[in-house]
Amino acid sequence: MLPVVEACIALSLIASHPRLIEERPPKAIVEHAIPKAKGWASYYATGPGPLDAAAGPGLRHGNWRGTVVTVTANGHSVTVRLTDWCACRPRHGLPTLIDLSPSAFRRLSPLSAGIVRVTVTP
């Protein structure tokens, strides 16, 4: 029981001294942040969830699995979770950034389009 009491005392001390609370994210999180990127999105059966996606090389930074990103195209956006990787290749001079699930792709463009120009933001 003593460790619980010590933890409570430590938390109350930190709460009473705001300078002790770190205001910015830890450095490790900043180093692995996925940058904003522009390129292509395609679709395929990505995983168990309807809004899962596979990350291309440009989105695989640090511990990227499980990261949530917003994909925007044609004035529409969809938020997806990166759960897999894809061997995406450049198309028409731009990188293929992400493979979306069919339901996520449909929120941006008809499936018949096959690919769509997108902006991906963390």
C-alpha atoms as a PDB file:
ATOM      1  CA  MET A   1       0.000   0.000   0.000  1.00  0.00           C
ATOM      2  CA  LEU A   2       2.943   2.320   0.623  1.00  0.00           C
ATOM      3  CA  PRO A   3       3.860   2.687  -3.111  1.00  0.00           C
ATOM      4  CA  VAL A   4       0.288   3.860  -3.828  1.00  0.00           C
ATOM      5  CA  VAL A   5       0.542   6.528  -1.124  1.00  0.00           C
ATOM      6  CA  GLU A   6       3.942   7.654  -2.455  1.00  0.00           C
ATOM      7  CA  ALA A   7       2.513   7.885  -5.989  1.00  0.00           C
ATOM      8  CA  CYS A   8      -0.396  10.023  -4.763  1.00  0.00           C
ATOM      9  CA  ILE A   9       1.973  12.362  -2.934  1.00  0.00           C
ATOM     10  CA  ALA A  10       4.187  12.660  -6.036  1.00  0.00           C
ATOM     11  CA  LEU A  11       1.171  13.462  -8.238  1.00  0.00           C
ATOM     12  CA  SER A  12      -0.079  16.122  -5.842  1.00  0.00           C
ATOM     13  CA  LEU A  13       3.396  17.720  -5.764  1.00  0.00           C
ATOM     14  CA  ILE A  14       3.570  17.779  -9.558  1.00  0.00           C
ATOM     15  CA  ALA A  15       0.058  19.219  -9.839  1.00  0.00           C
ATOM     16  CA  SER A  16       0.957  22.019  -7.416  1.00  0.00           C
ATOM     17  CA  HIS A  17       4.074  22.936  -9.458  1.00  0.00           C
ATOM     18  CA  PRO A  18       3.050  23.414 -13.124  1.00  0.00           C
ATOM     19  CA  ARG A  19       6.678  23.936 -14.171  1.00  0.00           C
ATOM     20  CA  LEU A  20       7.315  20.266 -13.434  1.00  0.00           C
ATOM     21  CA  ILE A  21       4.809  19.188 -16.080  1.00  0.00           C
ATOM     22  CA  GLU A  22       6.371  18.769 -19.521  1.00  0.00           C
ATOM     23  CA  GLU A  23       4.442  20.938 -21.984  1.00  0.00           C
ATOM     24  CA  ARG A  24       5.726  19.406 -25.225  1.00  0.00           C
ATOM     25  CA  PRO A  25       5.622  15.760 -26.335  1.00  0.00           C
ATOM     26  CA  PRO A  26       8.606  13.575 -25.500  1.00  0.00           C
ATOM     27  CA  LYS A  27      11.405  13.777 -28.072  1.00  0.00           C
ATOM     28  CA  ALA A  28      10.906  10.145 -29.191  1.00  0.00           C
ATOM     29  CA  ILE A  29       7.351  10.903 -30.308  1.00  0.00           C
ATOM     30  CA  VAL A  30       8.414  13.988 -32.246  1.00  0.00           C
ATOM     31  CA  GLU A  31      11.192  12.089 -34.045  1.00  0.00           C
ATOM     32  CA  HIS A  32       8.783   9.417 -35.303  1.00  0.00           C
ATOM     33  CA  ALA A  33       5.970  11.720 -36.340  1.00  0.00           C
ATOM     34  CA  ILE A  34       4.608  11.092 -39.814  1.00  0.00           C
ATOM     35  CA  PRO A  35       5.084  14.175 -41.986  1.00  0.00           C
ATOM     36  CA  LYS A  36       2.390  15.742 -44.149  1.00  0.00           C
ATOM     37  CA  ALA A  37       2.717  14.245 -47.627  1.00  0.00           C
ATOM     38  CA  LYS A  38       1.170  14.542 -51.082  1.00  0.00           C
ATOM     39  CA  GLY A  39       0.883  11.739 -53.605  1.00  0.00           C
ATOM     40  CA  TRP A  40      -1.466   8.951 -54.661  1.00  0.00           C
ATOM     41  CA  ALA A  41      -3.812   6.623 -52.802  1.00  0.00           C
ATOM     42  CA  SER A  42      -5.048   3.313 -54.112  1.00  0.00           C
ATOM     43  CA  TYR A  43      -7.213   0.676 -52.461  1.00  0.00           C
ATOM     44  CA  TYR A  44      -7.193  -3.002 -51.608  1.00  0.00           C
ATOM     45  CA  ALA A  45      -8.413  -5.261 -48.801  1.00  0.00           C
ATOM     46  CA  THR A  46      -6.188  -3.792 -46.087  1.00  0.00           C
ATOM     47  CA  GLY A  47      -7.247  -5.474 -42.887  1.00  0.00           C
ATOM     48  CA  PRO A  48     -10.038  -6.319 -40.493  1.00  0.00           C
ATOM     49  CA  GLY A  49     -11.356  -2.783 -40.018  1.00  0.00           C
ATOM     50  CA  PRO A  50     -13.329  -0.802 -42.589  1.00  0.00           C
ATOM     51  CA  LEU A  51     -11.034   2.200 -42.083  1.00  0.00           C
ATOM     52  CA  ASP A  52      -7.664   0.452 -42.026  1.00  0.00           C
ATOM     53  CA  ALA A  53      -4.886   1.421 -44.415  1.00  0.00           C
ATOM     54  CA  ALA A  54      -1.485   0.196 -45.562  1.00  0.00           C
ATOM     55  CA  ALA A  55       1.374   2.676 -45.369  1.00  0.00           C
ATOM     56  CA  GLY A  56       3.737   3.221 -48.265  1.00  0.00           C
ATOM     57  CA  PRO A  57       7.433   3.960 -47.679  1.00  0.00           C
ATOM     58  CA  GLY A  58       6.821   7.697 -47.246  1.00  0.00           C
ATOM     59  CA  LEU A  59       4.564   7.094 -44.241  1.00  0.00           C
ATOM     60  CA  ARG A  60       6.590   4.440 -42.445  1.00  0.00           C
ATOM     61  CA  HIS A  61       8.527   6.484 -39.890  1.00  0.00           C
ATOM     62  CA  GLY A  62       9.498   5.046 -36.515  1.00  0.00           C
ATOM     63  CA  ASN A  63       6.720   3.145 -34.777  1.00  0.00           C
ATOM     64  CA  TRP A  64       4.082   3.913 -37.428  1.00  0.00           C
ATOM     65  CA  ARG A  65       1.732   0.930 -36.952  1.00  0.00           C
ATOM     66  CA  GLY A  66      -1.456   2.044 -35.271  1.00  0.00           C
ATOM     67  CA  THR A  67      -0.936   5.693 -36.234  1.00  0.00           C
ATOM     68  CA  VAL A  68      -4.082   7.544 -37.258  1.00  0.00           C
ATOM     69  CA  VAL A  69      -3.828   9.822 -40.306  1.00  0.00           C
ATOM     70  CA  THR A  70      -6.271  11.942 -42.285  1.00  0.00           C
ATOM     71  CA  VAL A  71      -6.393  11.453 -46.029  1.00  0.00           C
ATOM     72  CA  THR A  72      -7.882  14.298 -48.105  1.00  0.00           C
ATOM     73  CA  ALA A  73      -8.877  14.334 -51.780  1.00  0.00           C
ATOM     74  CA  ASN A  74     -11.476  16.103 -53.919  1.00  0.00           C
ATOM     75  CA  GLY A  75     -12.661  18.178 -50.970  1.00  0.00           C
ATOM     76  CA  HIS A  76     -13.390  15.077 -48.860  1.00  0.00           C
ATOM     77  CA  SER A  77     -11.461  13.588 -45.932  1.00  0.00           C
ATOM     78  CA  VAL A  78     -11.321  10.237 -44.195  1.00  0.00           C
ATOM     79  CA  THR A  79      -9.430   9.270 -41.051  1.00  0.00           C
ATOM     80  CA  VAL A  80      -7.756   5.856 -41.137  1.00  0.00           C
ATOM     81  CA  ARG A  81      -5.455   3.747 -38.973  1.00  0.00           C
ATOM     82  CA  LEU A  82      -2.182   2.475 -40.465  1.00  0.00           C
ATOM     83  CA  THR A  83      -2.191  -1.267 -39.781  1.00  0.00           C
ATOM     84  CA  ASP A  84      -0.167  -2.744 -42.628  1.00  0.00           C
ATOM     85  CA  TRP A  85       2.535  -1.795 -45.117  1.00  0.00           C
ATOM     86  CA  CYS A  86       2.374  -1.693 -48.887  1.00  0.00           C
ATOM     87  CA  ALA A  87       5.007  -2.018 -51.568  1.00  0.00           C
ATOM     88  CA  CYS A  88       3.646   1.149 -53.163  1.00  0.00           C
ATOM     89  CA  ARG A  89       5.480   2.491 -56.198  1.00  0.00           C
ATOM     90  CA  PRO A  90       5.517   5.978 -57.720  1.00  0.00           C
ATOM     91  CA  ARG A  91       2.892   6.762 -60.374  1.00  0.00           C
ATOM     92  CA  HIS A  92       3.064   9.653 -62.798  1.00  0.00           C
ATOM     93  CA  GLY A  93       6.011  11.166 -60.900  1.00  0.00           C
ATOM     94  CA  LEU A  94       4.326  11.110 -57.462  1.00  0.00           C
ATOM     95  CA  PRO A  95       4.675   8.515 -54.695  1.00  0.00           C
ATOM     96  CA  THR A  96       1.831   6.164 -53.901  1.00  0.00           C
ATOM     97  CA  LEU A  97       1.554   6.969 -50.203  1.00  0.00           C
ATOM     98  CA  ILE A  98      -1.190   4.717 -48.968  1.00  0.00           C
ATOM     99  CA  ASP A  99      -3.478   1.793 -49.806  1.00  0.00           C
ATOM    100  CA  LEU A 100      -6.914   2.443 -48.349  1.00  0.00           C
ATOM    101  CA  SER A 101      -9.662  -0.001 -47.562  1.00  0.00           C
ATOM    102  CA  PRO A 102     -12.415   0.080 -50.218  1.00  0.00           C
ATOM    103  CA  SER A 103     -14.829   1.822 -47.826  1.00  0.00           C
ATOM    104  CA  ALA A 104     -12.262   4.525 -46.993  1.00  0.00           C
ATOM    105  CA  PHE A 105     -11.399   5.023 -50.681  1.00  0.00           C
ATOM    106  CA  ARG A 106     -15.116   5.404 -51.560  1.00  0.00           C
ATOM    107  CA  ARG A 107     -15.303   8.410 -49.210  1.00  0.00           C
ATOM    108  CA  LEU A 108     -12.766  10.167 -51.444  1.00  0.00           C
ATOM    109  CA  SER A 109     -13.498   8.867 -54.945  1.00  0.00           C
ATOM    110  CA  PRO A 110     -15.409   6.090 -56.739  1.00  0.00           C
ATOM    111  CA  LEU A 111     -13.621   2.725 -56.708  1.00  0.00           C
ATOM    112  CA  SER A 112     -13.660   2.781 -60.513  1.00  0.00           C
ATOM    113  CA  ALA A 113     -11.066   5.601 -60.387  1.00  0.00           C
ATOM    114  CA  GLY A 114      -8.511   3.126 -58.994  1.00  0.00           C
ATOM    115  CA  ILE A 115      -6.174   5.856 -57.717  1.00  0.00           C
ATOM    116  CA  VAL A 116      -6.691   9.383 -56.418  1.00  0.00           C
ATOM    117  CA  ARG A 117      -4.336  12.282 -55.624  1.00  0.00           C
ATOM    118  CA  VAL A 118      -4.282  12.828 -51.864  1.00  0.00           C
ATOM    119  CA  THR A 119      -2.765  14.758 -49.017  1.00  0.00           C
ATOM    120  CA  VAL A 120      -1.996  12.707 -45.907  1.00  0.00           C
ATOM    121  CA  THR A 121      -1.669  14.510 -42.565  1.00  0.00           C
ATOM    122  CA  PRO A 122      -0.935  13.116 -39.116  1.00  0.00           C
END
